[in-house]
Amino acid sequence: MKSGLFGFLFIMWVLMLAGGGIAVKILESISISGFDEFDWFFESIIKAMVAIVLVVVWILILLKLKNWIFRKEIKS
């Protein structure tokens, strides 16, 4: 039981650290022009949407992993 739980925690931290780095690299490079004074507004909306999608993907990955680990532990 402990190895499954520790594995889950390890992967969770790896996903959080890698995700933060990916989010910074992706979101940093987004730049929009052509809307005059509203460039910052549209950039912010797009960056927020990308960040929300990445968080949802990480949560879904962790949920699948958690379910797989705990099903494996229950069977054994």
N, C-alpha and C. Protein backbone atom coordinates (compact mmCIF):
# COMPACT_ATOMS: atom_id res chain seq x y z
N MET A 1 0.82 -1.19 0.00
CA MET A 1 0.00 0.00 0.00
C MET A 1 0.87 1.26 0.00
N LYS A 2 1.94 1.24 0.78
CA LYS A 2 2.77 2.43 0.88
C LYS A 2 3.45 2.76 -0.44
N SER A 3 3.89 1.76 -1.17
CA SER A 3 4.60 2.05 -2.42
C SER A 3 3.66 2.71 -3.43
N GLY A 4 2.41 2.27 -3.48
CA GLY A 4 1.45 2.89 -4.39
C GLY A 4 1.16 4.32 -4.01
N LEU A 5 1.02 4.57 -2.72
CA LEU A 5 0.73 5.92 -2.26
C LEU A 5 1.93 6.83 -2.48
N PHE A 6 3.12 6.33 -2.17
CA PHE A 6 4.32 7.14 -2.39
C PHE A 6 4.56 7.39 -3.87
N GLY A 7 4.27 6.41 -4.70
CA GLY A 7 4.38 6.59 -6.15
C GLY A 7 3.43 7.66 -6.64
N PHE A 8 2.21 7.63 -6.13
CA PHE A 8 1.23 8.64 -6.50
C PHE A 8 1.70 10.03 -6.09
N LEU A 9 2.20 10.16 -4.86
CA LEU A 9 2.67 11.45 -4.39
C LEU A 9 3.87 11.95 -5.20
N PHE A 10 4.77 11.03 -5.55
CA PHE A 10 5.93 11.40 -6.35
C PHE A 10 5.50 11.91 -7.72
N ILE A 11 4.61 11.18 -8.37
CA ILE A 11 4.15 11.59 -9.70
C ILE A 11 3.37 12.90 -9.62
N MET A 12 2.62 13.09 -8.53
CA MET A 12 1.88 14.33 -8.34
C MET A 12 2.84 15.51 -8.29
N TRP A 13 3.91 15.38 -7.52
CA TRP A 13 4.88 16.47 -7.42
C TRP A 13 5.61 16.70 -8.73
N VAL A 14 5.94 15.63 -9.43
CA VAL A 14 6.60 15.78 -10.73
C VAL A 14 5.69 16.51 -11.70
N LEU A 15 4.41 16.14 -11.72
CA LEU A 15 3.46 16.82 -12.60
C LEU A 15 3.32 18.29 -12.24
N MET A 16 3.29 18.59 -10.95
CA MET A 16 3.15 19.98 -10.54
C MET A 16 4.38 20.81 -10.94
N LEU A 17 5.56 20.27 -10.73
CA LEU A 17 6.78 21.00 -11.09
C LEU A 17 6.94 21.14 -12.60
N ALA A 18 6.71 20.03 -13.31
CA ALA A 18 6.82 20.08 -14.77
C ALA A 18 5.72 20.97 -15.35
N GLY A 19 4.54 20.87 -14.79
CA GLY A 19 3.44 21.69 -15.28
C GLY A 19 3.68 23.17 -15.08
N GLY A 20 4.25 23.52 -13.96
CA GLY A 20 4.57 24.92 -13.72
C GLY A 20 5.58 25.44 -14.73
N GLY A 21 6.59 24.65 -15.01
CA GLY A 21 7.58 25.04 -16.01
C GLY A 21 6.99 25.14 -17.41
N ILE A 22 6.15 24.18 -17.75
CA ILE A 22 5.50 24.20 -19.06
C ILE A 22 4.58 25.41 -19.17
N ALA A 23 3.83 25.67 -18.12
CA ALA A 23 2.91 26.81 -18.15
C ALA A 23 3.66 28.12 -18.31
N VAL A 24 4.77 28.26 -17.61
CA VAL A 24 5.55 29.49 -17.72
C VAL A 24 6.09 29.64 -19.13
N LYS A 25 6.64 28.58 -19.69
CA LYS A 25 7.21 28.66 -21.03
C LYS A 25 6.15 28.92 -22.10
N ILE A 26 5.00 28.24 -21.99
CA ILE A 26 3.94 28.43 -22.98
C ILE A 26 3.29 29.79 -22.83
N LEU A 27 2.94 30.15 -21.62
CA LEU A 27 2.20 31.38 -21.40
C LEU A 27 3.08 32.61 -21.59
N GLU A 28 4.35 32.46 -21.36
CA GLU A 28 5.26 33.59 -21.54
C GLU A 28 5.34 34.02 -23.00
N SER A 29 5.27 33.07 -23.90
CA SER A 29 5.49 33.36 -25.31
C SER A 29 4.24 33.84 -26.04
N ILE A 30 3.08 33.82 -25.40
CA ILE A 30 1.85 34.26 -26.07
C ILE A 30 1.86 35.78 -26.16
N SER A 31 1.69 36.25 -27.37
CA SER A 31 1.68 37.69 -27.60
C SER A 31 0.68 38.00 -28.71
N ILE A 32 -0.16 38.97 -28.49
CA ILE A 32 -1.18 39.34 -29.47
C ILE A 32 -1.01 40.82 -29.79
N SER A 33 -1.15 41.15 -31.06
CA SER A 33 -1.12 42.55 -31.45
C SER A 33 -2.21 42.79 -32.49
N GLY A 34 -2.57 44.04 -32.65
CA GLY A 34 -3.57 44.38 -33.64
C GLY A 34 -4.87 44.87 -33.03
N PHE A 35 -4.96 44.87 -31.72
CA PHE A 35 -6.17 45.35 -31.06
C PHE A 35 -5.91 46.67 -30.32
N ASP A 36 -4.88 47.35 -30.70
CA ASP A 36 -4.51 48.64 -30.11
C ASP A 36 -4.36 48.56 -28.60
N GLU A 37 -5.20 49.27 -27.88
CA GLU A 37 -5.04 49.34 -26.41
C GLU A 37 -5.60 48.13 -25.69
N PHE A 38 -6.27 47.21 -26.42
CA PHE A 38 -6.86 46.04 -25.78
C PHE A 38 -6.02 44.78 -25.95
N ASP A 39 -4.78 44.93 -26.42
CA ASP A 39 -3.88 43.77 -26.57
C ASP A 39 -3.73 43.01 -25.27
N TRP A 40 -3.48 43.70 -24.18
CA TRP A 40 -3.27 43.07 -22.88
C TRP A 40 -4.51 42.30 -22.44
N PHE A 41 -5.69 42.80 -22.78
CA PHE A 41 -6.93 42.14 -22.37
C PHE A 41 -7.08 40.78 -23.06
N PHE A 42 -6.89 40.76 -24.38
CA PHE A 42 -7.03 39.50 -25.11
C PHE A 42 -5.90 38.53 -24.77
N GLU A 43 -4.70 39.04 -24.54
CA GLU A 43 -3.60 38.18 -24.09
C GLU A 43 -3.95 37.52 -22.76
N SER A 44 -4.50 38.30 -21.84
CA SER A 44 -4.84 37.78 -20.52
C SER A 44 -5.92 36.70 -20.61
N ILE A 45 -6.91 36.92 -21.45
CA ILE A 45 -7.98 35.93 -21.61
C ILE A 45 -7.42 34.64 -22.16
N ILE A 46 -6.60 34.72 -23.19
CA ILE A 46 -6.03 33.50 -23.79
C ILE A 46 -5.11 32.78 -22.81
N LYS A 47 -4.29 33.53 -22.10
CA LYS A 47 -3.39 32.92 -21.12
C LYS A 47 -4.17 32.25 -20.01
N ALA A 48 -5.25 32.87 -19.55
CA ALA A 48 -6.07 32.27 -18.50
C ALA A 48 -6.74 30.99 -19.00
N MET A 49 -7.22 31.00 -20.24
CA MET A 49 -7.87 29.80 -20.77
C MET A 49 -6.87 28.65 -20.92
N VAL A 50 -5.67 28.94 -21.39
CA VAL A 50 -4.64 27.91 -21.53
C VAL A 50 -4.27 27.36 -20.16
N ALA A 51 -4.12 28.22 -19.17
CA ALA A 51 -3.76 27.78 -17.82
C ALA A 51 -4.86 26.90 -17.23
N ILE A 52 -6.11 27.26 -17.44
CA ILE A 52 -7.22 26.45 -16.92
C ILE A 52 -7.25 25.09 -17.59
N VAL A 53 -7.03 25.05 -18.89
CA VAL A 53 -7.01 23.76 -19.61
C VAL A 53 -5.88 22.89 -19.09
N LEU A 54 -4.70 23.46 -18.87
CA LEU A 54 -3.58 22.67 -18.35
C LEU A 54 -3.88 22.13 -16.95
N VAL A 55 -4.50 22.91 -16.11
CA VAL A 55 -4.84 22.45 -14.77
C VAL A 55 -5.85 21.30 -14.84
N VAL A 56 -6.84 21.42 -15.71
CA VAL A 56 -7.84 20.35 -15.86
C VAL A 56 -7.17 19.08 -16.36
N VAL A 57 -6.26 19.20 -17.30
CA VAL A 57 -5.55 18.01 -17.82
C VAL A 57 -4.74 17.35 -16.71
N TRP A 58 -4.03 18.16 -15.89
CA TRP A 58 -3.24 17.58 -14.80
C TRP A 58 -4.14 16.90 -13.78
N ILE A 59 -5.28 17.48 -13.48
CA ILE A 59 -6.21 16.87 -12.53
C ILE A 59 -6.74 15.55 -13.07
N LEU A 60 -7.08 15.49 -14.35
CA LEU A 60 -7.57 14.25 -14.95
C LEU A 60 -6.49 13.17 -14.94
N ILE A 61 -5.25 13.55 -15.22
CA ILE A 61 -4.15 12.58 -15.17
C ILE A 61 -4.00 12.03 -13.76
N LEU A 62 -4.04 12.89 -12.75
CA LEU A 62 -3.89 12.44 -11.37
C LEU A 62 -5.08 11.58 -10.93
N LEU A 63 -6.28 11.91 -11.38
CA LEU A 63 -7.44 11.08 -11.03
C LEU A 63 -7.32 9.68 -11.62
N LYS A 64 -6.92 9.60 -12.89
CA LYS A 64 -6.73 8.28 -13.52
C LYS A 64 -5.65 7.49 -12.80
N LEU A 65 -4.55 8.15 -12.47
CA LEU A 65 -3.45 7.49 -11.77
C LEU A 65 -3.89 7.00 -10.39
N LYS A 66 -4.61 7.85 -9.67
CA LYS A 66 -5.09 7.48 -8.33
C LYS A 66 -6.01 6.26 -8.41
N ASN A 67 -6.94 6.29 -9.34
CA ASN A 67 -7.86 5.16 -9.49
C ASN A 67 -7.13 3.88 -9.84
N TRP A 68 -6.14 3.97 -10.71
CA TRP A 68 -5.38 2.79 -11.11
C TRP A 68 -4.59 2.23 -9.92
N ILE A 69 -3.95 3.12 -9.15
CA ILE A 69 -3.15 2.67 -8.00
C ILE A 69 -4.04 2.02 -6.96
N PHE A 70 -5.15 2.64 -6.62
CA PHE A 70 -5.99 2.10 -5.55
C PHE A 70 -6.73 0.84 -5.99
N ARG A 71 -7.08 0.72 -7.26
CA ARG A 71 -7.68 -0.55 -7.75
C ARG A 71 -6.64 -1.67 -7.65
N LYS A 72 -5.41 -1.36 -8.01
CA LYS A 72 -4.33 -2.36 -7.93
C LYS A 72 -4.11 -2.79 -6.49
N GLU A 73 -4.15 -1.83 -5.55
CA GLU A 73 -3.94 -2.15 -4.14
C GLU A 73 -5.10 -2.95 -3.56
N ILE A 74 -6.31 -2.67 -3.97
CA ILE A 74 -7.47 -3.40 -3.46
C ILE A 74 -7.44 -4.85 -3.94
N LYS A 75 -7.04 -5.08 -5.19
CA LYS A 75 -6.98 -6.43 -5.72
C LYS A 75 -5.93 -7.29 -5.03
N SER A 76 -4.86 -6.67 -4.54
CA SER A 76 -3.80 -7.47 -3.92
C SER A 76 -3.98 -7.63 -2.43
